[in-house]
Amino acid sequence: MASVNDYYAIRSITVTSDSWTAVTTPIACNTWTLRPQADVYIRTDFSDPNTEDTIPAGIQETAMPIRSATAGNRYPNSTTLCFLKAVTGSTTVKAKFLS
């Protein structure tokens, strides 16, 4: 899916309770936000339950690290950020990426 520019992208990610879904950056970015319509689990390593947390429905999970003027974008295009799994059934997670 293409975006109008290389600086801002929004995606709708379908997540089920059957398997872990990778969240990858569609553009090179410095900030990303996830907002699920229903409760979801989030992991940084899908095979390690010690990396798991829960994002409640409607709550935004945001990563906004300090940007380096010389290092470029913190998250290159196609970087896997995390893995999501619905607590029950399936849901949609709104993902926003900002350069």
Protein backbone atom coordinates (compact mmCIF):
# COMPACT_ATOMS: atom_id res chain seq x y z
CA MET A 1 0.00 0.00 0.00
CA ALA A 2 1.45 3.35 -1.03
CA SER A 3 1.40 6.57 0.96
CA VAL A 4 1.08 10.08 -0.44
CA ASN A 5 4.50 10.96 0.96
CA ASP A 6 7.47 9.38 2.69
CA TYR A 7 6.92 11.24 5.98
CA TYR A 8 3.60 10.01 7.34
CA ALA A 9 1.70 6.74 6.92
CA ILE A 10 -1.41 5.22 8.51
CA ARG A 11 -2.22 1.51 8.31
CA SER A 12 -5.05 -0.71 9.54
CA ILE A 13 -3.63 -4.00 10.77
CA THR A 14 -5.92 -6.99 11.25
CA VAL A 15 -4.93 -8.99 14.31
CA THR A 16 -6.37 -12.35 15.42
CA SER A 17 -6.09 -14.46 18.56
CA ASP A 18 -4.76 -17.38 16.46
CA SER A 19 -1.26 -16.09 15.71
CA TRP A 20 1.20 -13.26 16.20
CA THR A 21 1.16 -10.50 13.57
CA ALA A 22 4.37 -8.59 12.87
CA VAL A 23 4.17 -4.80 12.77
CA THR A 24 6.65 -3.41 10.26
CA THR A 25 7.35 0.17 9.26
CA PRO A 26 5.97 1.09 5.80
CA ILE A 27 8.30 4.12 5.72
CA ALA A 28 11.53 5.14 7.45
CA CYS A 29 10.32 6.84 10.63
CA ASN A 30 11.17 8.16 14.08
CA THR A 31 7.78 7.80 15.77
CA TRP A 32 5.09 5.14 15.68
CA THR A 33 1.73 4.72 17.40
CA LEU A 34 -0.60 1.71 17.79
CA ARG A 35 -4.28 2.03 18.82
CA PRO A 36 -6.32 -1.21 18.95
CA GLN A 37 -10.11 -1.32 18.70
CA ALA A 38 -10.11 -4.25 21.18
CA ASP A 39 -7.54 -5.48 23.71
CA VAL A 40 -4.36 -6.88 22.16
CA TYR A 41 -1.17 -8.45 23.43
CA ILE A 42 2.12 -6.90 22.29
CA ARG A 43 5.52 -8.60 22.31
CA THR A 44 8.94 -7.56 21.14
CA ASP A 45 9.81 -11.25 20.61
CA PHE A 46 6.81 -13.39 19.61
CA SER A 47 8.42 -16.52 21.04
CA ASP A 48 9.23 -14.99 24.45
CA PRO A 49 6.29 -14.39 26.84
CA ASN A 50 8.60 -12.31 29.08
CA THR A 51 8.41 -9.51 26.45
CA GLU A 52 4.59 -9.41 26.56
CA ASP A 53 2.31 -6.58 27.63
CA THR A 54 -1.32 -5.69 26.91
CA ILE A 55 -2.64 -2.65 25.06
CA PRO A 56 -6.26 -2.05 26.13
CA ALA A 57 -8.89 -1.10 23.54
CA GLY A 58 -8.69 2.55 22.51
CA ILE A 59 -5.38 3.20 24.30
CA GLN A 60 -2.44 4.47 22.26
CA GLU A 61 0.97 2.84 22.53
CA THR A 62 3.57 5.31 21.23
CA ALA A 63 7.32 5.19 20.72
CA MET A 64 8.82 8.64 20.34
CA PRO A 65 12.57 8.44 20.90
CA ILE A 66 14.74 11.52 20.78
CA ARG A 67 15.73 12.17 17.19
CA SER A 68 19.37 12.53 16.27
CA ALA A 69 20.16 15.30 13.81
CA THR A 70 22.99 13.24 12.34
CA ALA A 71 21.83 9.61 12.62
CA GLY A 72 18.76 9.85 10.35
CA ASN A 73 15.55 7.93 10.98
CA ARG A 74 15.47 5.73 14.06
CA TYR A 75 13.44 2.98 12.33
CA PRO A 76 14.40 2.21 8.71
CA ASN A 77 11.71 1.17 6.23
CA SER A 78 10.54 -2.44 6.76
CA THR A 79 11.79 -2.61 10.37
CA THR A 80 9.86 -5.12 12.49
CA LEU A 81 8.82 -3.16 15.57
CA CYS A 82 6.77 -5.69 17.52
CA PHE A 83 4.22 -8.48 17.29
CA LEU A 84 0.50 -8.24 18.09
CA LYS A 85 -2.15 -10.82 18.97
CA ALA A 86 -5.83 -10.21 19.79
CA VAL A 87 -6.88 -11.23 23.30
CA THR A 88 -10.04 -12.80 21.80
CA GLY A 89 -11.34 -13.14 18.25
CA SER A 90 -10.00 -10.54 15.86
CA THR A 91 -9.64 -6.78 15.84
CA THR A 92 -8.13 -3.91 13.90
CA VAL A 93 -5.17 -1.91 15.12
CA LYS A 94 -4.61 1.58 13.71
CA ALA A 95 -0.91 2.18 13.19
CA LYS A 96 0.64 5.58 12.46
CA PHE A 97 4.22 6.18 11.38
CA LEU A 98 5.88 9.62 11.30
CA SER A 99 9.30 10.49 9.96
